[in-house]
C-alpha atoms as a PDB file:
ATOM      1  CA  MET A   1       0.000   0.000   0.000  1.00  0.00           C
ATOM      2  CA  ASP A   2       1.311   3.440  -0.935  1.00  0.00           C
ATOM      3  CA  THR A   3       1.749   5.327   2.336  1.00  0.00           C
ATOM      4  CA  GLN A   4       2.351   8.563   0.403  1.00  0.00           C
ATOM      5  CA  LEU A   5      -1.259   8.832  -0.733  1.00  0.00           C
ATOM      6  CA  PRO A   6      -2.943  12.116   0.216  1.00  0.00           C
ATOM      7  CA  LEU A   7      -5.019  12.054   3.394  1.00  0.00           C
ATOM      8  CA  GLN A   8      -8.355  12.102   1.547  1.00  0.00           C
ATOM      9  CA  PHE A   9      -7.662   8.635   0.076  1.00  0.00           C
ATOM     10  CA  TRP A  10      -7.557   7.150   3.575  1.00  0.00           C
ATOM     11  CA  ARG A  11     -10.870   8.410   4.863  1.00  0.00           C
ATOM     12  CA  GLN A  12     -13.681   6.010   5.733  1.00  0.00           C
ATOM     13  CA  GLN A  13     -16.781   6.394   3.568  1.00  0.00           C
ATOM     14  CA  ILE A  14     -20.251   6.418   5.103  1.00  0.00           C
ATOM     15  CA  ALA A  15     -23.713   6.305   3.513  1.00  0.00           C
ATOM     16  CA  LEU A  16     -26.436   8.003   5.523  1.00  0.00           C
ATOM     17  CA  ASP A  17     -30.236   7.845   5.306  1.00  0.00           C
ATOM     18  CA  LEU A  18     -31.724  10.419   7.671  1.00  0.00           C
ATOM     19  CA  GLY A  19     -35.321   9.279   8.006  1.00  0.00           C
ATOM     20  CA  THR A  20     -38.154  10.725  10.045  1.00  0.00           C
ATOM     21  CA  ALA A  21     -38.492   7.568  12.142  1.00  0.00           C
ATOM     22  CA  ALA A  22     -34.998   6.098  11.871  1.00  0.00           C
ATOM     23  CA  ILE A  23     -31.463   6.970  10.862  1.00  0.00           C
ATOM     24  CA  ARG A  24     -29.652   4.304   8.849  1.00  0.00           C
ATOM     25  CA  ILE A  25     -25.885   4.220   8.502  1.00  0.00           C
ATOM     26  CA  ALA A  26     -23.827   1.970   6.235  1.00  0.00           C
ATOM     27  CA  ALA A  27     -20.067   1.806   5.774  1.00  0.00           C
ATOM     28  CA  ALA A  28     -18.497   0.503   2.592  1.00  0.00           C
ATOM     29  CA  HIS A  29     -18.933  -3.028   3.920  1.00  0.00           C
ATOM     30  CA  GLY A  30     -20.943  -4.651   6.677  1.00  0.00           C
ATOM     31  CA  PRO A  31     -24.494  -4.488   8.013  1.00  0.00           C
ATOM     32  CA  VAL A  32     -26.732  -1.433   8.123  1.00  0.00           C
ATOM     33  CA  LEU A  33     -26.902   0.261  11.524  1.00  0.00           C
ATOM     34  CA  GLU A  34     -30.289   1.690  12.499  1.00  0.00           C
ATOM     35  CA  LEU A  35     -30.797   4.408  15.128  1.00  0.00           C
ATOM     36  CA  PRO A  36     -33.857   6.306  16.347  1.00  0.00           C
ATOM     37  CA  SER A  37     -34.137   9.831  14.964  1.00  0.00           C
ATOM     38  CA  CYS A  38     -34.987  11.354  18.344  1.00  0.00           C
ATOM     39  CA  LEU A  39     -33.379  11.890  21.733  1.00  0.00           C
ATOM     40  CA  GLY A  40     -36.060  11.402  24.339  1.00  0.00           C
ATOM     41  CA  THR A  41     -38.830  13.791  23.345  1.00  0.00           C
ATOM     42  CA  ARG A  42     -36.595  15.817  21.011  1.00  0.00           C
ATOM     43  CA  GLU A  43     -37.254  14.919  17.380  1.00  0.00           C
ATOM     44  CA  GLY A  44     -34.358  15.469  15.031  1.00  0.00           C
ATOM     45  CA  LEU A  45     -36.336  15.062  11.820  1.00  0.00           C
ATOM     46  CA  CYS A  46     -39.835  15.729  10.564  1.00  0.00           C
ATOM     47  CA  GLY A  47     -41.235  15.360   7.072  1.00  0.00           C
ATOM     48  CA  GLY A  48     -38.013  13.713   5.961  1.00  0.00           C
ATOM     49  CA  VAL A  49     -35.810  16.735   6.752  1.00  0.00           C
ATOM     50  CA  VAL A  50     -33.689  17.912   9.676  1.00  0.00           C
ATOM     51  CA  VAL A  51     -35.651  20.183  12.022  1.00  0.00           C
ATOM     52  CA  ASP A  52     -33.302  20.064  15.026  1.00  0.00           C
ATOM     53  CA  GLN A  53     -29.692  20.292  13.913  1.00  0.00           C
ATOM     54  CA  GLU A  54     -28.252  19.834  17.412  1.00  0.00           C
ATOM     55  CA  THR A  55     -30.244  16.653  18.084  1.00  0.00           C
ATOM     56  CA  VAL A  56     -29.206  15.063  14.780  1.00  0.00           C
ATOM     57  CA  ALA A  57     -25.568  15.969  15.403  1.00  0.00           C
ATOM     58  CA  ARG A  58     -25.694  14.403  18.882  1.00  0.00           C
ATOM     59  CA  LEU A  59     -27.257  11.222  17.478  1.00  0.00           C
ATOM     60  CA  LEU A  60     -24.612  10.869  14.772  1.00  0.00           C
ATOM     61  CA  LYS A  61     -21.522  11.954  16.693  1.00  0.00           C
ATOM     62  CA  PRO A  62     -20.760   8.631  18.479  1.00  0.00           C
ATOM     63  CA  GLN A  63     -21.212   6.679  15.265  1.00  0.00           C
ATOM     64  CA  LEU A  64     -18.975   8.919  13.174  1.00  0.00           C
ATOM     65  CA  ALA A  65     -16.375   8.947  15.945  1.00  0.00           C
ATOM     66  CA  LYS A  66     -16.167   5.137  15.724  1.00  0.00           C
ATOM     67  CA  ARG A  67     -15.399   5.470  12.031  1.00  0.00           C
ATOM     68  CA  ARG A  68     -12.421   7.775  12.380  1.00  0.00           C
ATOM     69  CA  LEU A  69      -9.335   6.150  10.939  1.00  0.00           C
ATOM     70  CA  PHE A  70      -6.705   5.740  13.672  1.00  0.00           C
ATOM     71  CA  GLY A  71      -9.109   7.733  15.836  1.00  0.00           C
ATOM     72  CA  ILE A  72      -8.088  10.899  13.974  1.00  0.00           C
ATOM     73  CA  VAL A  73      -9.074  10.961  10.301  1.00  0.00           C
ATOM     74  CA  LYS A  74     -12.712  11.970   9.970  1.00  0.00           C
ATOM     75  CA  PRO A  75     -14.988  10.028   7.578  1.00  0.00           C
ATOM     76  CA  ARG A  76     -16.660  11.467   4.495  1.00  0.00           C
ATOM     77  CA  VAL A  77     -20.433  11.086   4.256  1.00  0.00           C
ATOM     78  CA  LEU A  78     -22.943  10.731   1.449  1.00  0.00           C
ATOM     79  CA  ALA A  79     -26.374  11.734   2.771  1.00  0.00           C
ATOM     80  CA  CYS A  80     -29.792  11.639   1.123  1.00  0.00           C
ATOM     81  CA  ALA A  81     -32.433  14.368   1.025  1.00  0.00           C
ATOM     82  CA  PRO A  82     -36.019  14.436  -0.300  1.00  0.00           C
ATOM     83  CA  SER A  83     -36.295  15.741  -3.838  1.00  0.00           C
ATOM     84  CA  ASP A  84     -38.335  18.734  -2.622  1.00  0.00           C
ATOM     85  CA  ALA A  85     -35.932  19.729   0.169  1.00  0.00           C
ATOM     86  CA  SER A  86     -35.332  23.482   0.202  1.00  0.00           C
ATOM     87  CA  ARG A  87     -31.897  25.091   0.152  1.00  0.00           C
ATOM     88  CA  ASP A  88     -32.194  25.825   3.881  1.00  0.00           C
ATOM     89  CA  GLU A  89     -33.220  22.230   4.639  1.00  0.00           C
ATOM     90  CA  ARG A  90     -30.261  20.875   2.688  1.00  0.00           C
ATOM     91  CA  ALA A  91     -27.918  23.302   4.414  1.00  0.00           C
ATOM     92  CA  ARG A  92     -29.251  22.275   7.837  1.00  0.00           C
ATOM     93  CA  LEU A  93     -28.622  18.614   6.992  1.00  0.00           C
ATOM     94  CA  ILE A  94     -25.057  19.336   5.905  1.00  0.00           C
ATOM     95  CA  ARG A  95     -24.325  21.412   9.017  1.00  0.00           C
ATOM     96  CA  ALA A  96     -25.690  18.685  11.301  1.00  0.00           C
ATOM     97  CA  VAL A  97     -23.496  15.993   9.738  1.00  0.00           C
ATOM     98  CA  LEU A  98     -20.399  18.208   9.773  1.00  0.00           C
ATOM     99  CA  GLU A  99     -21.068  19.086  13.414  1.00  0.00           C
ATOM    100  CA  ALA A 100     -21.313  15.362  14.146  1.00  0.00           C
ATOM    101  CA  GLY A 101     -17.751  14.862  12.896  1.00  0.00           C
ATOM    102  CA  ALA A 102     -17.761  14.353   9.125  1.00  0.00           C
ATOM    103  CA  ALA A 103     -14.849  15.661   7.068  1.00  0.00           C
ATOM    104  CA  SER A 104     -17.126  16.384   4.112  1.00  0.00           C
ATOM    105  CA  VAL A 105     -20.755  15.817   3.149  1.00  0.00           C
ATOM    106  CA  TYR A 106     -22.235  15.139  -0.282  1.00  0.00           C
ATOM    107  CA  LEU A 107     -25.969  15.067  -0.988  1.00  0.00           C
ATOM    108  CA  ILE A 108     -28.032  13.029  -3.435  1.00  0.00           C
ATOM    109  CA  PRO A 109     -31.818  12.831  -3.921  1.00  0.00           C
ATOM    110  CA  GLU A 110     -33.444  10.096  -1.851  1.00  0.00           C
ATOM    111  CA  PRO A 111     -35.482   8.586  -4.718  1.00  0.00           C
ATOM    112  CA  LEU A 112     -32.341   8.132  -6.837  1.00  0.00           C
ATOM    113  CA  ALA A 113     -30.674   6.250  -3.995  1.00  0.00           C
ATOM    114  CA  ALA A 114     -33.875   4.256  -3.440  1.00  0.00           C
ATOM    115  CA  ALA A 115     -33.980   3.229  -7.100  1.00  0.00           C
ATOM    116  CA  VAL A 116     -30.381   2.024  -7.019  1.00  0.00           C
ATOM    117  CA  GLY A 117     -30.937   0.205  -3.736  1.00  0.00           C
ATOM    118  CA  ALA A 118     -34.012  -1.505  -5.152  1.00  0.00           C
ATOM    119  CA  GLY A 119     -31.972  -2.857  -8.030  1.00  0.00           C
ATOM    120  CA  LEU A 120     -33.453  -0.758 -10.834  1.00  0.00           C
ATOM    121  CA  ASP A 121     -31.302  -0.206 -13.905  1.00  0.00           C
ATOM    122  CA  VAL A 122     -31.108   3.565 -13.531  1.00  0.00           C
ATOM    123  CA  SER A 123     -28.701   3.775 -16.494  1.00  0.00           C
ATOM    124  CA  SER A 124     -31.384   2.450 -18.853  1.00  0.00           C
ATOM    125  CA  PRO A 125     -32.597   4.786 -21.628  1.00  0.00           C
ATOM    126  CA  TYR A 126     -36.118   3.664 -20.730  1.00  0.00           C
ATOM    127  CA  ALA A 127     -38.032   5.392 -17.954  1.00  0.00           C
ATOM    128  CA  GLN A 128     -37.921   3.897 -14.474  1.00  0.00           C
ATOM    129  CA  LEU A 129     -40.415   5.144 -11.867  1.00  0.00           C
ATOM    130  CA  VAL A 130     -39.733   4.787  -8.160  1.00  0.00           C
ATOM    131  CA  VAL A 131     -42.096   5.793  -5.359  1.00  0.00           C
ATOM    132  CA  ASP A 132     -40.331   6.012  -2.010  1.00  0.00           C
ATOM    133  CA  ILE A 133     -42.784   6.221   0.907  1.00  0.00           C
ATOM    134  CA  GLY A 134     -40.796   6.935   4.037  1.00  0.00           C
ATOM    135  CA  ALA A 135     -42.104   7.694   7.507  1.00  0.00           C
ATOM    136  CA  GLY A 136     -42.499  11.401   6.791  1.00  0.00           C
ATOM    137  CA  VAL A 137     -42.385  11.983   3.049  1.00  0.00           C
ATOM    138  CA  THR A 138     -43.576  10.360  -0.169  1.00  0.00           C
ATOM    139  CA  ASP A 139     -41.138  10.958  -3.023  1.00  0.00           C
ATOM    140  CA  CYS A 140     -41.787  10.030  -6.669  1.00  0.00           C
ATOM    141  CA  ALA A 141     -39.045  10.189  -9.287  1.00  0.00           C
ATOM    142  CA  LEU A 142     -38.756   9.337 -12.958  1.00  0.00           C
ATOM    143  CA  ILE A 143     -35.230   8.216 -13.801  1.00  0.00           C
ATOM    144  CA  ARG A 144     -33.601   7.738 -17.207  1.00  0.00           C
ATOM    145  CA  MET A 145     -29.926   7.320 -18.076  1.00  0.00           C
ATOM    146  CA  SER A 146     -28.836   7.804 -14.442  1.00  0.00           C
ATOM    147  CA  ARG A 147     -30.602  11.158 -14.166  1.00  0.00           C
ATOM    148  CA  ILE A 148     -33.794  12.223 -12.438  1.00  0.00           C
ATOM    149  CA  GLN A 149     -36.077  13.611 -15.129  1.00  0.00           C
ATOM    150  CA  ALA A 150     -39.074  14.573 -12.975  1.00  0.00           C
ATOM    151  CA  THR A 151     -40.074  14.467  -9.311  1.00  0.00           C
ATOM    152  CA  ALA A 152     -43.078  15.023  -7.082  1.00  0.00           C
ATOM    153  CA  ALA A 153     -43.084  14.898  -3.294  1.00  0.00           C
ATOM    154  CA  LEU A 154     -45.577  15.123  -0.469  1.00  0.00           C
ATOM    155  CA  ARG A 155     -44.743  15.580   3.208  1.00  0.00           C
ATOM    156  CA  ILE A 156     -46.975  12.662   4.135  1.00  0.00           C
ATOM    157  CA  GLY A 157     -45.477   9.257   4.789  1.00  0.00           C
ATOM    158  CA  CYS A 158     -46.217   5.833   6.164  1.00  0.00           C
ATOM    159  CA  SER A 159     -46.360   7.066   9.772  1.00  0.00           C
ATOM    160  CA  ARG A 160     -49.700   8.685   8.850  1.00  0.00           C
ATOM    161  CA  LEU A 161     -50.791   5.955   6.445  1.00  0.00           C
ATOM    162  CA  GLN A 162     -50.065   2.975   8.705  1.00  0.00           C
ATOM    163  CA  ASP A 163     -53.223   3.107  10.812  1.00  0.00           C
ATOM    164  CA  ALA A 164     -55.372   5.038   8.349  1.00  0.00           C
ATOM    165  CA  THR A 165     -58.227   3.655   6.293  1.00  0.00           C
ATOM    166  CA  GLN A 166     -57.930   3.370   2.533  1.00  0.00           C
ATOM    167  CA  ALA A 167     -60.068   6.495   2.221  1.00  0.00           C
ATOM    168  CA  SER A 168     -57.226   8.401   3.902  1.00  0.00           C
ATOM    169  CA  TRP A 169     -54.678   7.118   1.375  1.00  0.00           C
ATOM    170  CA  HIS A 170     -56.149   9.420  -1.354  1.00  0.00           C
ATOM    171  CA  PRO A 171     -53.409  12.178  -0.974  1.00  0.00           C
ATOM    172  CA  VAL A 172     -50.695   9.669  -1.935  1.00  0.00           C
ATOM    173  CA  GLY A 173     -52.873   8.189  -4.663  1.00  0.00           C
ATOM    174  CA  ASP A 174     -53.624  11.678  -5.961  1.00  0.00           C
ATOM    175  CA  LEU A 175     -49.931  12.591  -5.959  1.00  0.00           C
ATOM    176  CA  LEU A 176     -49.012   9.540  -8.017  1.00  0.00           C
ATOM    177  CA  GLU A 177     -51.944   9.936 -10.407  1.00  0.00           C
ATOM    178  CA  GLY A 178     -51.143  13.592 -10.989  1.00  0.00           C
ATOM    179  CA  PHE A 179     -47.459  12.821 -11.519  1.00  0.00           C
ATOM    180  CA  LEU A 180     -48.280  10.182 -14.127  1.00  0.00           C
ATOM    181  CA  HIS A 181     -50.824  12.426 -15.818  1.00  0.00           C
ATOM    182  CA  ASP A 182     -48.193  15.120 -16.396  1.00  0.00           C
ATOM    183  CA  LEU A 183     -45.725  12.785 -18.114  1.00  0.00           C
ATOM    184  CA  PRO A 184     -45.376  12.940 -21.916  1.00  0.00           C
ATOM    185  CA  PRO A 185     -47.298  10.071 -23.572  1.00  0.00           C
ATOM    186  CA  GLU A 186     -44.171   8.273 -24.789  1.00  0.00           C
ATOM    187  CA  ILE A 187     -42.668   8.352 -21.288  1.00  0.00           C
ATOM    188  CA  GLY A 188     -45.945   7.222 -19.778  1.00  0.00           C
ATOM    189  CA  CYS A 189     -45.897   4.191 -22.080  1.00  0.00           C
ATOM    190  CA  GLU A 190     -42.434   3.265 -20.833  1.00  0.00           C
ATOM    191  CA  VAL A 191     -43.621   3.496 -17.234  1.00  0.00           C
ATOM    192  CA  ILE A 192     -46.620   1.308 -18.022  1.00  0.00           C
ATOM    193  CA  GLU A 193     -44.292  -1.278 -19.532  1.00  0.00           C
ATOM    194  CA  ASN A 194     -41.689  -1.179 -16.739  1.00  0.00           C
ATOM    195  CA  GLY A 195     -44.087  -0.728 -13.824  1.00  0.00           C
ATOM    196  CA  ILE A 196     -43.654   1.208 -10.586  1.00  0.00           C
ATOM    197  CA  CYS A 197     -41.096   0.274  -7.939  1.00  0.00           C
ATOM    198  CA  LEU A 198     -42.283   0.923  -4.374  1.00  0.00           C
ATOM    199  CA  THR A 199     -39.688   1.494  -1.637  1.00  0.00           C
ATOM    200  CA  GLY A 200     -39.678   2.711   1.962  1.00  0.00           C
ATOM    201  CA  GLY A 201     -41.844   1.634   4.871  1.00  0.00           C
ATOM    202  CA  GLY A 202     -44.989   2.298   2.845  1.00  0.00           C
ATOM    203  CA  ALA A 203     -44.204  -0.758   0.739  1.00  0.00           C
ATOM    204  CA  LEU A 204     -44.866  -2.866   3.851  1.00  0.00           C
ATOM    205  CA  ILE A 205     -48.328  -1.468   4.588  1.00  0.00           C
ATOM    206  CA  PRO A 206     -50.842  -4.230   3.800  1.00  0.00           C
ATOM    207  CA  GLY A 207     -52.992  -3.299   0.830  1.00  0.00           C
ATOM    208  CA  LEU A 208     -51.152  -0.094  -0.123  1.00  0.00           C
ATOM    209  CA  PRO A 209     -49.269  -1.513  -3.152  1.00  0.00           C
ATOM    210  CA  ALA A 210     -52.516  -3.020  -4.471  1.00  0.00           C
ATOM    211  CA  TYR A 211     -54.336   0.253  -3.823  1.00  0.00           C
ATOM    212  CA  LEU A 212     -51.792   2.259  -5.835  1.00  0.00           C
ATOM    213  CA  GLU A 213     -51.909  -0.334  -8.588  1.00  0.00           C
ATOM    214  CA  ALA A 214     -55.700  -0.029  -8.759  1.00  0.00           C
ATOM    215  CA  ARG A 215     -55.513   3.778  -8.811  1.00  0.00           C
ATOM    216  CA  THR A 216     -52.978   3.923 -11.638  1.00  0.00           C
ATOM    217  CA  GLY A 217     -53.632   0.760 -13.623  1.00  0.00           C
ATOM    218  CA  ILE A 218     -49.869   0.120 -13.556  1.00  0.00           C
ATOM    219  CA  THR A 219     -48.104  -2.815 -11.919  1.00  0.00           C
ATOM    220  CA  VAL A 220     -46.643  -1.805  -8.541  1.00  0.00           C
ATOM    221  CA  THR A 221     -43.792  -3.950  -7.233  1.00  0.00           C
ATOM    222  CA  PRO A 222     -42.447  -3.510  -3.668  1.00  0.00           C
ATOM    223  CA  ALA A 223     -38.669  -3.770  -3.311  1.00  0.00           C
ATOM    224  CA  ALA A 224     -37.252  -6.850  -1.596  1.00  0.00           C
ATOM    225  CA  ILE A 225     -36.034  -4.931   1.490  1.00  0.00           C
ATOM    226  CA  PRO A 226     -37.849  -1.619   1.051  1.00  0.00           C
ATOM    227  CA  CYS A 227     -36.702   0.110   4.257  1.00  0.00           C
ATOM    228  CA  HIS A 228     -33.023  -0.288   3.349  1.00  0.00           C
ATOM    229  CA  CYS A 229     -33.233   0.800  -0.301  1.00  0.00           C
ATOM    230  CA  VAL A 230     -32.158   4.402   0.305  1.00  0.00           C
ATOM    231  CA  VAL A 231     -29.116   3.619   2.445  1.00  0.00           C
ATOM    232  CA  GLU A 232     -28.073   0.645   0.297  1.00  0.00           C
ATOM    233  CA  GLY A 233     -28.394   2.749  -2.833  1.00  0.00           C
ATOM    234  CA  ALA A 234     -26.337   5.518  -1.254  1.00  0.00           C
ATOM    235  CA  ARG A 235     -23.709   2.938  -0.296  1.00  0.00           C
ATOM    236  CA  ALA A 236     -23.554   1.736  -3.899  1.00  0.00           C
ATOM    237  CA  ILE A 237     -23.307   5.294  -5.273  1.00  0.00           C
ATOM    238  CA  LEU A 238     -20.782   6.468  -2.670  1.00  0.00           C
ATOM    239  CA  PRO A 239     -17.541   5.381  -4.439  1.00  0.00           C
ATOM    240  CA  VAL A 240     -18.554   7.202  -7.628  1.00  0.00           C
ATOM    241  CA  VAL A 241     -19.449  10.414  -5.798  1.00  0.00           C
ATOM    242  CA  VAL A 242     -16.230  10.286  -3.798  1.00  0.00           C
ATOM    243  CA  MET A 243     -14.033   9.847  -6.884  1.00  0.00           C
ATOM    244  CA  LEU A 244     -15.754  12.749  -8.647  1.00  0.00           C
ATOM    245  CA  ASN A 245     -15.159  15.042  -5.655  1.00  0.00           C
ATOM    246  CA  LEU A 246     -11.933  13.658  -4.211  1.00  0.00           C
ATOM    247  CA  TRP A 247      -9.545  16.323  -5.411  1.00  0.00           C
ATOM    248  CA  ASN A 248     -11.815  19.132  -4.240  1.00  0.00           C
ATOM    249  CA  GLU A 249     -11.352  18.253  -0.563  1.00  0.00           C
END
């Protein structure tokens, strides 16, 4: 091993899914670590975004400290944010992770990470549609050739859908219907052919995938491990993002 490599080549790399109900952390290898997103009665996240920067930093600090190389070299982090996150919400996320002990923080859209984690071929020239229903946000994204072409998000997630009746699922159904309605016909045909991939905790709600399928007339397929799609996708994307940004650190 070349011991003369610059410091940035030695840093540990961490994928981070900051969810409303749980924070998921994954290193380059090994199992996913899951933490609560609150400290006692203090909630760090709401609607899929950081609302209490100090709480999130305190939750993450012990975990990032464990991942310091030789106890000194801080890790770099790839974190995920909802597609509708504002500039201030993204900035608050970055500040929280830096305060927790990261050397640098990169952001990617949650639905892109979810699509990769679900095993979709995001590099395909044909449209792929993912619907990520987390605890606090529902995020739809159309992906072609590794790029998000269109998004729609709603700050309602499975924490509100879990114990609700089907009649109360109409906001999510309306969001998806409206999103599909606005797609160009040729793209809509590709989505009909490829189907809809459902990720996040919402994919585990009994009857919800079938309900969305009935509303849209398009096959809805839940991911194999829907709650880990975002963090696993971020883990898969992490090496590429790091290499693209390495010399800027």
